[in-house]
Amino acid sequence: MTHTKCLIIGSGPAGYTAAIYAGRANLAPVLYAGLQMGGQLTQTTEVENFPGYPQGVDANQMMMELREQAERFGTEMRDGEVTGIDFSARPYQVSIDGEVALTADSIIIATGAKAKYLGLDDERKYAGQGVSACATCDGFFYRKKVTAVVGGGDTACEDALYLAGLCSKVYLVVRKNYLRASDIMQQRVKQTENIEILFEHNVTGLFGENGVEGMHVVKRKGEADETNYDVAIDGLFLAIGHTPVTEFIKDDVKLEEGGYVYTDGRSQQVYAADGSILPGVFAAGDVCDSVYRQAVVAAGSGCRAALDAEKYLMTLDN
């Protein structure tokens, strides 16, 4: 069994940034990439809103550059998925793919969150070719085009309003006959001329030759007056929520509503389920962020977590 001063779980912007800072602090961090190397960002195409890339950058290229930077400062990259952590004693015992594989003095949890999808085969088919779960990431590519947003909550309304400032028309596809969003968000959406709300609608599929050209929808699904028809669009945005990757620690750490890891805002410190501090355990990125979910924010929290870990490890040495 191996031992590390600093274990980083996750390979998105938060995990790689934490690795860069931990490596520069001579902590010789070990990073487990998880099932999706590079995180959610690798599911998009070009990134235009990350500082330092004035012409934009291919998402996979950016993540590879972050990985290379972390490796340059001594991070050991390992494949495998962390499936469990024993928080009962220190150093913490960590299981990889079901088997106890190493111990760690400090742990940075940066496993991210997964966007919820409708479960349509066409979502996978058109991934990166007209289907996105991040309007602020990809909306820029649909200037003066027609898009659709699926969802009826505040996030869906915010995405629709954001896209309305870029697109010629935005359809808001709502399964219910009402919006779940706050009153002020509902008012803004309903007052925006180029947003059309499709109440009691479900998206059942997508079509297009070289990317999304339209969506198949059904109105009042399962009812006597059910209606099926097609709507021409250039892009479909999902805004039906995210699921943080916390299954492997859900019984051990304090979680917020929706399953996000709780941090108090003053640090990236993680707490046990009973509210006590878990010494040397920190969280970063979308796994503890239900609000912003942006790569640059995740990177910033990865920096904070690494600095927190460095400070904690200094107390062990003294």
C-alpha atoms as a PDB file:
ATOM      1  CA  MET A   1       0.000   0.000   0.000  1.00  0.00           C
ATOM      2  CA  THR A   2       1.365   3.403  -0.990  1.00  0.00           C
ATOM      3  CA  HIS A   3       1.098   6.656   0.937  1.00  0.00           C
ATOM      4  CA  THR A   4       0.794  10.263  -0.199  1.00  0.00           C
ATOM      5  CA  LYS A   5       0.728  13.569   1.578  1.00  0.00           C
ATOM      6  CA  CYS A   6      -1.926  14.912  -0.764  1.00  0.00           C
ATOM      7  CA  LEU A   7      -4.486  12.936  -2.746  1.00  0.00           C
ATOM      8  CA  ILE A   8      -6.550  14.751  -5.377  1.00  0.00           C
ATOM      9  CA  ILE A   9      -9.707  13.069  -6.667  1.00  0.00           C
ATOM     10  CA  GLY A  10     -10.845  14.366 -10.041  1.00  0.00           C
ATOM     11  CA  SER A  11      -9.263  15.730 -13.201  1.00  0.00           C
ATOM     12  CA  GLY A  12     -11.327  18.755 -14.135  1.00  0.00           C
ATOM     13  CA  PRO A  13     -10.210  22.385 -13.784  1.00  0.00           C
ATOM     14  CA  ALA A  14     -10.482  22.161  -9.994  1.00  0.00           C
ATOM     15  CA  GLY A  15      -8.480  18.959  -9.671  1.00  0.00           C
ATOM     16  CA  TYR A  16      -5.731  19.991 -12.066  1.00  0.00           C
ATOM     17  CA  THR A  17      -5.396  23.456 -10.530  1.00  0.00           C
ATOM     18  CA  ALA A  18      -5.185  21.931  -7.063  1.00  0.00           C
ATOM     19  CA  ALA A  19      -2.472  19.620  -8.409  1.00  0.00           C
ATOM     20  CA  ILE A  20      -0.509  22.549  -9.849  1.00  0.00           C
ATOM     21  CA  TYR A  21      -0.506  24.379  -6.517  1.00  0.00           C
ATOM     22  CA  ALA A  22       0.122  21.262  -4.441  1.00  0.00           C
ATOM     23  CA  GLY A  23       2.976  20.271  -6.741  1.00  0.00           C
ATOM     24  CA  ARG A  24       4.605  23.683  -6.507  1.00  0.00           C
ATOM     25  CA  ALA A  25       4.385  23.373  -2.712  1.00  0.00           C
ATOM     26  CA  ASN A  26       6.455  20.155  -2.930  1.00  0.00           C
ATOM     27  CA  LEU A  27       3.588  18.004  -1.679  1.00  0.00           C
ATOM     28  CA  ALA A  28       4.153  15.395  -4.424  1.00  0.00           C
ATOM     29  CA  PRO A  29       0.396  14.997  -4.965  1.00  0.00           C
ATOM     30  CA  VAL A  30      -1.240  11.908  -6.411  1.00  0.00           C
ATOM     31  CA  LEU A  31      -4.214  12.551  -8.680  1.00  0.00           C
ATOM     32  CA  TYR A  32      -6.806   9.964  -9.673  1.00  0.00           C
ATOM     33  CA  ALA A  33      -8.465  11.036 -12.906  1.00  0.00           C
ATOM     34  CA  GLY A  34     -11.722   9.126 -12.466  1.00  0.00           C
ATOM     35  CA  LEU A  35     -13.972   7.838 -15.229  1.00  0.00           C
ATOM     36  CA  GLN A  36     -13.927  11.032 -17.281  1.00  0.00           C
ATOM     37  CA  MET A  37     -10.441  12.460 -17.624  1.00  0.00           C
ATOM     38  CA  GLY A  38     -10.674  16.215 -17.977  1.00  0.00           C
ATOM     39  CA  GLY A  39     -14.142  16.444 -16.456  1.00  0.00           C
ATOM     40  CA  GLN A  40     -17.344  17.889 -17.917  1.00  0.00           C
ATOM     41  CA  LEU A  41     -15.480  20.430 -19.997  1.00  0.00           C
ATOM     42  CA  THR A  42     -14.313  17.723 -22.380  1.00  0.00           C
ATOM     43  CA  GLN A  43     -17.932  17.249 -23.472  1.00  0.00           C
ATOM     44  CA  THR A  44     -17.992  20.669 -25.090  1.00  0.00           C
ATOM     45  CA  THR A  45     -16.007  21.860 -28.089  1.00  0.00           C
ATOM     46  CA  GLU A  46     -14.405  25.293 -27.858  1.00  0.00           C
ATOM     47  CA  VAL A  47     -13.942  27.326 -24.685  1.00  0.00           C
ATOM     48  CA  GLU A  48     -13.977  31.090 -25.156  1.00  0.00           C
ATOM     49  CA  ASN A  49     -14.483  32.413 -21.633  1.00  0.00           C
ATOM     50  CA  PHE A  50     -11.453  31.003 -19.807  1.00  0.00           C
ATOM     51  CA  PRO A  51      -8.816  33.695 -19.127  1.00  0.00           C
ATOM     52  CA  GLY A  52      -5.636  33.502 -21.151  1.00  0.00           C
ATOM     53  CA  TYR A  53      -7.122  32.270 -24.422  1.00  0.00           C
ATOM     54  CA  PRO A  54      -8.104  35.391 -26.386  1.00  0.00           C
ATOM     55  CA  GLN A  55      -8.966  33.356 -29.491  1.00  0.00           C
ATOM     56  CA  GLY A  56     -10.657  30.564 -27.597  1.00  0.00           C
ATOM     57  CA  VAL A  57      -9.288  27.061 -27.135  1.00  0.00           C
ATOM     58  CA  ASP A  58     -10.356  23.503 -27.791  1.00  0.00           C
ATOM     59  CA  ALA A  59     -11.693  22.148 -24.485  1.00  0.00           C
ATOM     60  CA  ASN A  60      -9.719  18.914 -24.649  1.00  0.00           C
ATOM     61  CA  GLN A  61      -6.544  20.815 -25.519  1.00  0.00           C
ATOM     62  CA  MET A  62      -7.002  23.121 -22.533  1.00  0.00           C
ATOM     63  CA  MET A  63      -7.472  20.200 -20.167  1.00  0.00           C
ATOM     64  CA  MET A  64      -4.392  18.460 -21.550  1.00  0.00           C
ATOM     65  CA  GLU A  65      -2.378  21.632 -21.007  1.00  0.00           C
ATOM     66  CA  LEU A  66      -3.586  21.842 -17.408  1.00  0.00           C
ATOM     67  CA  ARG A  67      -2.626  18.200 -16.923  1.00  0.00           C
ATOM     68  CA  GLU A  68       0.838  18.783 -18.384  1.00  0.00           C
ATOM     69  CA  GLN A  69       1.311  21.789 -16.118  1.00  0.00           C
ATOM     70  CA  ALA A  70       0.391  19.703 -13.071  1.00  0.00           C
ATOM     71  CA  GLU A  71       2.771  16.936 -14.141  1.00  0.00           C
ATOM     72  CA  ARG A  72       5.540  19.486 -14.618  1.00  0.00           C
ATOM     73  CA  PHE A  73       5.381  20.257 -10.886  1.00  0.00           C
ATOM     74  CA  GLY A  74       5.528  16.630  -9.817  1.00  0.00           C
ATOM     75  CA  THR A  75       1.935  15.429  -9.740  1.00  0.00           C
ATOM     76  CA  GLU A  76       1.640  11.679 -10.206  1.00  0.00           C
ATOM     77  CA  MET A  77      -1.316  10.936 -12.488  1.00  0.00           C
ATOM     78  CA  ARG A  78      -3.111   7.647 -11.970  1.00  0.00           C
ATOM     79  CA  ASP A  79      -6.027   5.998 -13.707  1.00  0.00           C
ATOM     80  CA  GLY A  80      -8.840   4.558 -11.660  1.00  0.00           C
ATOM     81  CA  GLU A  81     -11.920   5.577  -9.715  1.00  0.00           C
ATOM     82  CA  VAL A  82     -11.968   6.302  -5.985  1.00  0.00           C
ATOM     83  CA  THR A  83     -14.813   4.178  -4.657  1.00  0.00           C
ATOM     84  CA  GLY A  84     -14.481   4.722  -0.920  1.00  0.00           C
ATOM     85  CA  ILE A  85     -12.633   6.538   1.856  1.00  0.00           C
ATOM     86  CA  ASP A  86     -12.281   5.418   5.468  1.00  0.00           C
ATOM     87  CA  PHE A  87     -12.495   8.619   7.491  1.00  0.00           C
ATOM     88  CA  SER A  88     -12.403   6.844  10.870  1.00  0.00           C
ATOM     89  CA  ALA A  89      -8.638   7.135  11.329  1.00  0.00           C
ATOM     90  CA  ARG A  90      -5.702   9.042   9.928  1.00  0.00           C
ATOM     91  CA  PRO A  91      -4.003   8.696   7.553  1.00  0.00           C
ATOM     92  CA  TYR A  92      -7.154   8.048   5.581  1.00  0.00           C
ATOM     93  CA  GLN A  93      -7.441   4.729   3.752  1.00  0.00           C
ATOM     94  CA  VAL A  94      -8.626   5.103   0.171  1.00  0.00           C
ATOM     95  CA  SER A  95     -10.169   2.417  -2.027  1.00  0.00           C
ATOM     96  CA  ILE A  96      -9.596   2.434  -5.781  1.00  0.00           C
ATOM     97  CA  ASP A  97     -12.012   0.409  -7.910  1.00  0.00           C
ATOM     98  CA  GLY A  98     -13.218  -1.385  -4.783  1.00  0.00           C
ATOM     99  CA  GLU A  99      -9.819  -2.260  -3.294  1.00  0.00           C
ATOM    100  CA  VAL A 100      -7.888  -0.381  -0.576  1.00  0.00           C
ATOM    101  CA  ALA A 101      -4.914   1.005  -2.481  1.00  0.00           C
ATOM    102  CA  LEU A 102      -3.311   3.885  -0.583  1.00  0.00           C
ATOM    103  CA  THR A 103      -3.356   6.135   2.445  1.00  0.00           C
ATOM    104  CA  ALA A 104      -3.361   9.925   2.433  1.00  0.00           C
ATOM    105  CA  ASP A 105      -2.669  12.671   4.961  1.00  0.00           C
ATOM    106  CA  SER A 106      -4.869  15.139   3.069  1.00  0.00           C
ATOM    107  CA  ILE A 107      -7.539  14.730   0.420  1.00  0.00           C
ATOM    108  CA  ILE A 108      -8.982  17.184  -2.098  1.00  0.00           C
ATOM    109  CA  ILE A 109     -12.332  16.054  -3.482  1.00  0.00           C
ATOM    110  CA  ALA A 110     -12.819  17.532  -6.955  1.00  0.00           C
ATOM    111  CA  THR A 111     -15.110  14.975  -8.563  1.00  0.00           C
ATOM    112  CA  GLY A 112     -17.398  17.562 -10.159  1.00  0.00           C
ATOM    113  CA  ALA A 113     -21.051  17.217 -11.101  1.00  0.00           C
ATOM    114  CA  LYS A 114     -22.840  15.607 -14.007  1.00  0.00           C
ATOM    115  CA  ALA A 115     -25.538  17.435 -15.930  1.00  0.00           C
ATOM    116  CA  LYS A 116     -28.870  15.656 -16.050  1.00  0.00           C
ATOM    117  CA  TYR A 117     -30.014  14.653 -19.514  1.00  0.00           C
ATOM    118  CA  LEU A 118     -33.325  13.490 -20.902  1.00  0.00           C
ATOM    119  CA  GLY A 119     -31.967  10.050 -21.690  1.00  0.00           C
ATOM    120  CA  LEU A 120     -32.432  10.282 -25.455  1.00  0.00           C
ATOM    121  CA  ASP A 121     -30.062   8.476 -27.804  1.00  0.00           C
ATOM    122  CA  ASP A 122     -29.965  11.668 -29.885  1.00  0.00           C
ATOM    123  CA  GLU A 123     -28.369  13.561 -26.984  1.00  0.00           C
ATOM    124  CA  ARG A 124     -25.283  11.382 -27.307  1.00  0.00           C
ATOM    125  CA  LYS A 125     -25.431  11.449 -31.086  1.00  0.00           C
ATOM    126  CA  TYR A 126     -25.346  15.251 -31.219  1.00  0.00           C
ATOM    127  CA  ALA A 127     -23.072  15.861 -28.230  1.00  0.00           C
ATOM    128  CA  GLY A 128     -20.871  18.798 -29.226  1.00  0.00           C
ATOM    129  CA  GLN A 129     -22.917  19.217 -32.399  1.00  0.00           C
ATOM    130  CA  GLY A 130     -25.890  21.108 -31.056  1.00  0.00           C
ATOM    131  CA  VAL A 131     -26.545  19.637 -27.604  1.00  0.00           C
ATOM    132  CA  SER A 132     -25.169  21.357 -24.509  1.00  0.00           C
ATOM    133  CA  ALA A 133     -25.815  21.557 -20.782  1.00  0.00           C
ATOM    134  CA  CYS A 134     -24.113  24.945 -20.367  1.00  0.00           C
ATOM    135  CA  ALA A 135     -25.666  27.997 -22.007  1.00  0.00           C
ATOM    136  CA  THR A 136     -23.008  30.385 -20.712  1.00  0.00           C
ATOM    137  CA  CYS A 137     -20.285  28.090 -22.078  1.00  0.00           C
ATOM    138  CA  ASP A 138     -21.689  27.445 -25.542  1.00  0.00           C
ATOM    139  CA  GLY A 139     -24.361  30.060 -26.155  1.00  0.00           C
ATOM    140  CA  PHE A 140     -21.947  32.342 -27.981  1.00  0.00           C
ATOM    141  CA  PHE A 141     -21.801  29.867 -30.867  1.00  0.00           C
ATOM    142  CA  TYR A 142     -25.509  30.331 -31.544  1.00  0.00           C
ATOM    143  CA  ARG A 143     -25.603  34.065 -32.166  1.00  0.00           C
ATOM    144  CA  LYS A 144     -28.566  34.998 -34.380  1.00  0.00           C
ATOM    145  CA  LYS A 145     -29.662  31.349 -34.465  1.00  0.00           C
ATOM    146  CA  VAL A 146     -32.644  29.507 -32.996  1.00  0.00           C
ATOM    147  CA  THR A 147     -32.198  27.512 -29.811  1.00  0.00           C
ATOM    148  CA  ALA A 148     -34.303  25.658 -27.257  1.00  0.00           C
ATOM    149  CA  VAL A 149     -33.897  25.291 -23.510  1.00  0.00           C
ATOM    150  CA  VAL A 150     -35.424  22.344 -21.645  1.00  0.00           C
ATOM    151  CA  GLY A 151     -36.513  23.028 -18.075  1.00  0.00           C
ATOM    152  CA  GLY A 152     -38.871  25.124 -16.009  1.00  0.00           C
ATOM    153  CA  GLY A 153     -36.832  26.273 -13.020  1.00  0.00           C
ATOM    154  CA  ASP A 154     -34.672  29.313 -12.318  1.00  0.00           C
ATOM    155  CA  THR A 155     -31.669  27.852 -14.155  1.00  0.00           C
ATOM    156  CA  ALA A 156     -33.723  27.184 -17.284  1.00  0.00           C
ATOM    157  CA  CYS A 157     -35.148  30.701 -17.203  1.00  0.00           C
ATOM    158  CA  GLU A 158     -31.709  32.217 -16.655  1.00  0.00           C
ATOM    159  CA  ASP A 159     -30.343  30.218 -19.588  1.00  0.00           C
ATOM    160  CA  ALA A 160     -33.265  31.255 -21.800  1.00  0.00           C
ATOM    161  CA  LEU A 161     -32.743  34.926 -20.937  1.00  0.00           C
ATOM    162  CA  TYR A 162     -29.014  34.662 -21.572  1.00  0.00           C
ATOM    163  CA  LEU A 163     -29.578  33.013 -24.935  1.00  0.00           C
ATOM    164  CA  ALA A 164     -32.291  35.523 -25.831  1.00  0.00           C
ATOM    165  CA  GLY A 165     -29.594  38.205 -25.806  1.00  0.00           C
ATOM    166  CA  LEU A 166     -27.657  36.246 -28.429  1.00  0.00           C
ATOM    167  CA  CYS A 167     -30.161  34.263 -30.455  1.00  0.00           C
ATOM    168  CA  SER A 168     -32.900  35.285 -32.846  1.00  0.00           C
ATOM    169  CA  LYS A 169     -35.382  33.052 -31.024  1.00  0.00           C
ATOM    170  CA  VAL A 170     -35.418  30.814 -27.961  1.00  0.00           C
ATOM    171  CA  TYR A 171     -37.958  28.106 -27.179  1.00  0.00           C
ATOM    172  CA  LEU A 172     -38.378  27.228 -23.502  1.00  0.00           C
ATOM    173  CA  VAL A 173     -39.658  23.651 -23.362  1.00  0.00           C
ATOM    174  CA  VAL A 174     -41.531  23.025 -20.106  1.00  0.00           C
ATOM    175  CA  ARG A 175     -42.963  19.626 -19.168  1.00  0.00           C
ATOM    176  CA  LYS A 176     -45.538  21.093 -16.777  1.00  0.00           C
ATOM    177  CA  ASN A 177     -48.220  23.678 -17.523  1.00  0.00           C
ATOM    178  CA  TYR A 178     -46.402  26.177 -15.313  1.00  0.00           C
ATOM    179  CA  LEU A 179     -42.892  27.422 -14.520  1.00  0.00           C
ATOM    180  CA  ARG A 180     -41.216  26.443 -11.246  1.00  0.00           C
ATOM    181  CA  ALA A 181     -38.948  29.480 -11.347  1.00  0.00           C
ATOM    182  CA  SER A 182     -39.201  32.449  -8.999  1.00  0.00           C
ATOM    183  CA  ASP A 183     -41.813  35.091  -9.827  1.00  0.00           C
ATOM    184  CA  ILE A 184     -39.244  37.620 -10.988  1.00  0.00           C
ATOM    185  CA  MET A 185     -37.623  35.116 -13.354  1.00  0.00           C
ATOM    186  CA  GLN A 186     -41.009  34.122 -14.747  1.00  0.00           C
ATOM    187  CA  GLN A 187     -41.866  37.747 -15.412  1.00  0.00           C
ATOM    188  CA  ARG A 188     -38.598  38.394 -17.201  1.00  0.00           C
ATOM    189  CA  VAL A 189     -39.000  35.366 -19.435  1.00  0.00           C
ATOM    190  CA  LYS A 190     -42.614  36.147 -20.307  1.00  0.00           C
ATOM    191  CA  GLN A 191     -41.718  39.760 -21.102  1.00  0.00           C
ATOM    192  CA  THR A 192     -38.873  38.817 -23.444  1.00  0.00           C
ATOM    193  CA  GLU A 193     -40.201  38.972 -26.999  1.00  0.00           C
ATOM    194  CA  ASN A 194     -37.950  36.367 -28.581  1.00  0.00           C
ATOM    195  CA  ILE A 195     -38.655  33.691 -25.954  1.00  0.00           C
ATOM    196  CA  GLU A 196     -41.568  31.360 -26.662  1.00  0.00           C
ATOM    197  CA  ILE A 197     -42.653  29.050 -23.838  1.00  0.00           C
ATOM    198  CA  LEU A 198     -43.895  25.615 -24.895  1.00  0.00           C
ATOM    199  CA  PHE A 199     -45.881  24.467 -21.877  1.00  0.00           C
ATOM    200  CA  GLU A 200     -46.815  20.779 -21.490  1.00  0.00           C
ATOM    201  CA  HIS A 201     -44.184  19.759 -24.041  1.00  0.00           C
ATOM    202  CA  ASN A 202     -41.545  17.041 -24.054  1.00  0.00           C
ATOM    203  CA  VAL A 203     -38.597  16.686 -26.409  1.00  0.00           C
ATOM    204  CA  THR A 204     -38.659  13.150 -27.821  1.00  0.00           C
ATOM    205  CA  GLY A 205     -35.777  13.364 -30.290  1.00  0.00           C
ATOM    206  CA  LEU A 206     -33.513  15.472 -32.487  1.00  0.00           C
ATOM    207  CA  PHE A 207     -32.713  15.474 -36.178  1.00  0.00           C
ATOM    208  CA  GLY A 208     -30.158  16.949 -38.566  1.00  0.00           C
ATOM    209  CA  GLU A 209     -27.484  15.945 -41.049  1.00  0.00           C
ATOM    210  CA  ASN A 210     -24.355  17.743 -39.795  1.00  0.00           C
ATOM    211  CA  GLY A 211     -25.592  18.733 -36.369  1.00  0.00           C
ATOM    212  CA  VAL A 212     -28.921  19.595 -34.795  1.00  0.00           C
ATOM    213  CA  GLU A 213     -31.431  21.060 -37.235  1.00  0.00           C
ATOM    214  CA  GLY A 214     -34.586  20.487 -35.235  1.00  0.00           C
ATOM    215  CA  MET A 215     -36.341  18.686 -32.401  1.00  0.00           C
ATOM    216  CA  HIS A 216     -39.241  16.262 -32.241  1.00  0.00           C
ATOM    217  CA  VAL A 217     -41.708  17.345 -29.550  1.00  0.00           C
ATOM    218  CA  VAL A 218     -44.937  16.020 -28.124  1.00  0.00           C
ATOM    219  CA  LYS A 219     -47.606  18.211 -26.528  1.00  0.00           C
ATOM    220  CA  ARG A 220     -49.688  16.784 -23.675  1.00  0.00           C
ATOM    221  CA  LYS A 221     -47.942  13.442 -23.811  1.00  0.00           C
ATOM    222  CA  GLY A 222     -50.198  10.509 -22.974  1.00  0.00           C
ATOM    223  CA  GLU A 223     -53.418  12.520 -23.113  1.00  0.00           C
ATOM    224  CA  ALA A 224     -56.297  12.216 -25.561  1.00  0.00           C
ATOM    225  CA  ASP A 225     -55.251  15.382 -27.393  1.00  0.00           C
ATOM    226  CA  GLU A 226     -51.559  14.435 -27.612  1.00  0.00           C
ATOM    227  CA  THR A 227     -49.862  16.202 -30.529  1.00  0.00           C
ATOM    228  CA  ASN A 228     -46.517  15.340 -32.129  1.00  0.00           C
ATOM    229  CA  TYR A 229     -44.657  17.772 -34.358  1.00  0.00           C
ATOM    230  CA  ASP A 230     -41.194  19.111 -35.237  1.00  0.00           C
ATOM    231  CA  VAL A 231     -39.598  22.450 -34.395  1.00  0.00           C
ATOM    232  CA  ALA A 232     -36.612  23.810 -36.333  1.00  0.00           C
ATOM    233  CA  ILE A 233     -33.724  24.732 -34.003  1.00  0.00           C
ATOM    234  CA  ASP A 234     -29.944  24.978 -34.248  1.00  0.00           C
ATOM    235  CA  GLY A 235     -29.120  24.017 -30.677  1.00  0.00           C
ATOM    236  CA  LEU A 236     -30.661  22.338 -27.625  1.00  0.00           C
ATOM    237  CA  PHE A 237     -29.658  23.296 -24.080  1.00  0.00           C
ATOM    238  CA  LEU A 238     -30.486  21.109 -21.087  1.00  0.00           C
ATOM    239  CA  ALA A 239     -31.292  22.919 -17.846  1.00  0.00           C
ATOM    240  CA  ILE A 240     -32.914  20.215 -15.745  1.00  0.00           C
ATOM    241  CA  GLY A 241     -30.300  20.078 -13.022  1.00  0.00           C
ATOM    242  CA  HIS A 242     -26.946  18.580 -12.099  1.00  0.00           C
ATOM    243  CA  THR A 243     -25.937  15.627  -9.954  1.00  0.00           C
ATOM    244  CA  PRO A 244     -22.728  16.077  -7.934  1.00  0.00           C
ATOM    245  CA  VAL A 245     -20.452  13.037  -7.911  1.00  0.00           C
ATOM    246  CA  THR A 246     -20.651  12.268  -4.206  1.00  0.00           C
ATOM    247  CA  GLU A 247     -22.064   8.749  -4.128  1.00  0.00           C
ATOM    248  CA  PHE A 248     -18.829   7.326  -2.701  1.00  0.00           C
ATOM    249  CA  ILE A 249     -18.863   9.722   0.293  1.00  0.00           C
ATOM    250  CA  LYS A 250     -22.585  10.493   0.712  1.00  0.00           C
ATOM    251  CA  ASP A 251     -22.834   8.761   4.104  1.00  0.00           C
ATOM    252  CA  ASP A 252     -19.628  10.230   5.512  1.00  0.00           C
ATOM    253  CA  VAL A 253     -19.569  13.959   4.749  1.00  0.00           C
ATOM    254  CA  LYS A 254     -21.957  16.853   5.264  1.00  0.00           C
ATOM    255  CA  LEU A 255     -23.915  17.544   2.091  1.00  0.00           C
ATOM    256  CA  GLU A 256     -26.120  20.434   1.064  1.00  0.00           C
ATOM    257  CA  GLU A 257     -29.475  20.142  -0.634  1.00  0.00           C
ATOM    258  CA  GLY A 258     -28.985  18.400  -3.952  1.00  0.00           C
ATOM    259  CA  GLY A 259     -26.026  16.386  -2.685  1.00  0.00           C
ATOM    260  CA  TYR A 260     -23.320  19.048  -3.004  1.00  0.00           C
ATOM    261  CA  VAL A 261     -20.436  18.903  -0.511  1.00  0.00           C
ATOM    262  CA  TYR A 262     -20.844  21.579   2.152  1.00  0.00           C
ATOM    263  CA  THR A 263     -18.046  24.102   2.692  1.00  0.00           C
ATOM    264  CA  ASP A 264     -18.476  27.141   4.922  1.00  0.00           C
ATOM    265  CA  GLY A 265     -17.266  29.698   2.348  1.00  0.00           C
ATOM    266  CA  ARG A 266     -14.245  30.746   4.394  1.00  0.00           C
ATOM    267  CA  SER A 267     -12.233  27.751   3.244  1.00  0.00           C
ATOM    268  CA  GLN A 268     -12.689  24.565   1.234  1.00  0.00           C
ATOM    269  CA  GLN A 269     -12.872  22.542   4.457  1.00  0.00           C
ATOM    270  CA  VAL A 270     -15.108  19.462   4.383  1.00  0.00           C
ATOM    271  CA  TYR A 271     -17.183  18.406   7.380  1.00  0.00           C
ATOM    272  CA  ALA A 272     -18.307  14.995   8.562  1.00  0.00           C
ATOM    273  CA  ALA A 273     -21.965  14.054   8.392  1.00  0.00           C
ATOM    274  CA  ASP A 274     -22.330  14.950  12.094  1.00  0.00           C
ATOM    275  CA  GLY A 275     -20.982  18.461  11.473  1.00  0.00           C
ATOM    276  CA  SER A 276     -17.498  17.935  12.916  1.00  0.00           C
ATOM    277  CA  ILE A 277     -14.403  18.889  10.921  1.00  0.00           C
ATOM    278  CA  LEU A 278     -12.716  16.230   8.821  1.00  0.00           C
ATOM    279  CA  PRO A 279      -9.067  17.262   9.289  1.00  0.00           C
ATOM    280  CA  GLY A 280      -7.163  17.546   6.031  1.00  0.00           C
ATOM    281  CA  VAL A 281     -10.180  16.949   3.791  1.00  0.00           C
ATOM    282  CA  PHE A 282     -11.160  19.670   1.330  1.00  0.00           C
ATOM    283  CA  ALA A 283     -13.479  20.030  -1.667  1.00  0.00           C
ATOM    284  CA  ALA A 284     -13.201  22.077  -4.848  1.00  0.00           C
ATOM    285  CA  GLY A 285     -15.083  22.699  -8.060  1.00  0.00           C
ATOM    286  CA  ASP A 286     -18.604  21.748  -9.068  1.00  0.00           C
ATOM    287  CA  VAL A 287     -18.856  19.038  -6.421  1.00  0.00           C
ATOM    288  CA  CYS A 288     -19.355  21.863  -3.902  1.00  0.00           C
ATOM    289  CA  ASP A 289     -20.779  24.558  -6.198  1.00  0.00           C
ATOM    290  CA  SER A 290     -24.469  24.486  -7.088  1.00  0.00           C
ATOM    291  CA  VAL A 291     -24.507  28.134  -8.214  1.00  0.00           C
ATOM    292  CA  TYR A 292     -21.772  29.122 -10.678  1.00  0.00           C
ATOM    293  CA  ARG A 293     -20.542  25.882 -12.288  1.00  0.00           C
ATOM    294  CA  GLN A 294     -17.889  27.631 -14.387  1.00  0.00           C
ATOM    295  CA  ALA A 295     -14.405  26.344 -15.171  1.00  0.00           C
ATOM    296  CA  VAL A 296     -12.673  29.483 -13.935  1.00  0.00           C
ATOM    297  CA  VAL A 297     -14.566  29.346 -10.619  1.00  0.00           C
ATOM    298  CA  ALA A 298     -13.688  25.663 -10.252  1.00  0.00           C
ATOM    299  CA  ALA A 299     -10.031  26.431 -10.922  1.00  0.00           C
ATOM    300  CA  GLY A 300     -10.068  29.155  -8.275  1.00  0.00           C
ATOM    301  CA  SER A 301     -11.528  26.819  -5.677  1.00  0.00           C
ATOM    302  CA  GLY A 302      -8.923  24.215  -6.615  1.00  0.00           C
ATOM    303  CA  CYS A 303      -6.259  26.771  -5.757  1.00  0.00           C
ATOM    304  CA  ARG A 304      -7.955  27.479  -2.419  1.00  0.00           C
ATOM    305  CA  ALA A 305      -8.192  23.779  -1.574  1.00  0.00           C
ATOM    306  CA  ALA A 306      -4.515  23.209  -2.304  1.00  0.00           C
ATOM    307  CA  LEU A 307      -3.501  26.172  -0.148  1.00  0.00           C
ATOM    308  CA  ASP A 308      -5.753  24.859   2.623  1.00  0.00           C
ATOM    309  CA  ALA A 309      -4.152  21.413   2.313  1.00  0.00           C
ATOM    310  CA  GLU A 310      -0.654  22.893   2.408  1.00  0.00           C
ATOM    311  CA  LYS A 311      -1.482  24.852   5.562  1.00  0.00           C
ATOM    312  CA  TYR A 312      -2.963  21.753   7.203  1.00  0.00           C
ATOM    313  CA  LEU A 313       0.054  19.591   6.354  1.00  0.00           C
ATOM    314  CA  MET A 314       2.365  22.175   7.880  1.00  0.00           C
ATOM    315  CA  THR A 315       0.642  21.573  11.215  1.00  0.00           C
ATOM    316  CA  LEU A 316       1.473  17.865  10.943  1.00  0.00           C
ATOM    317  CA  ASP A 317       5.153  18.592  10.371  1.00  0.00           C
ATOM    318  CA  ASN A 318       5.417  20.871  13.400  1.00  0.00           C
END
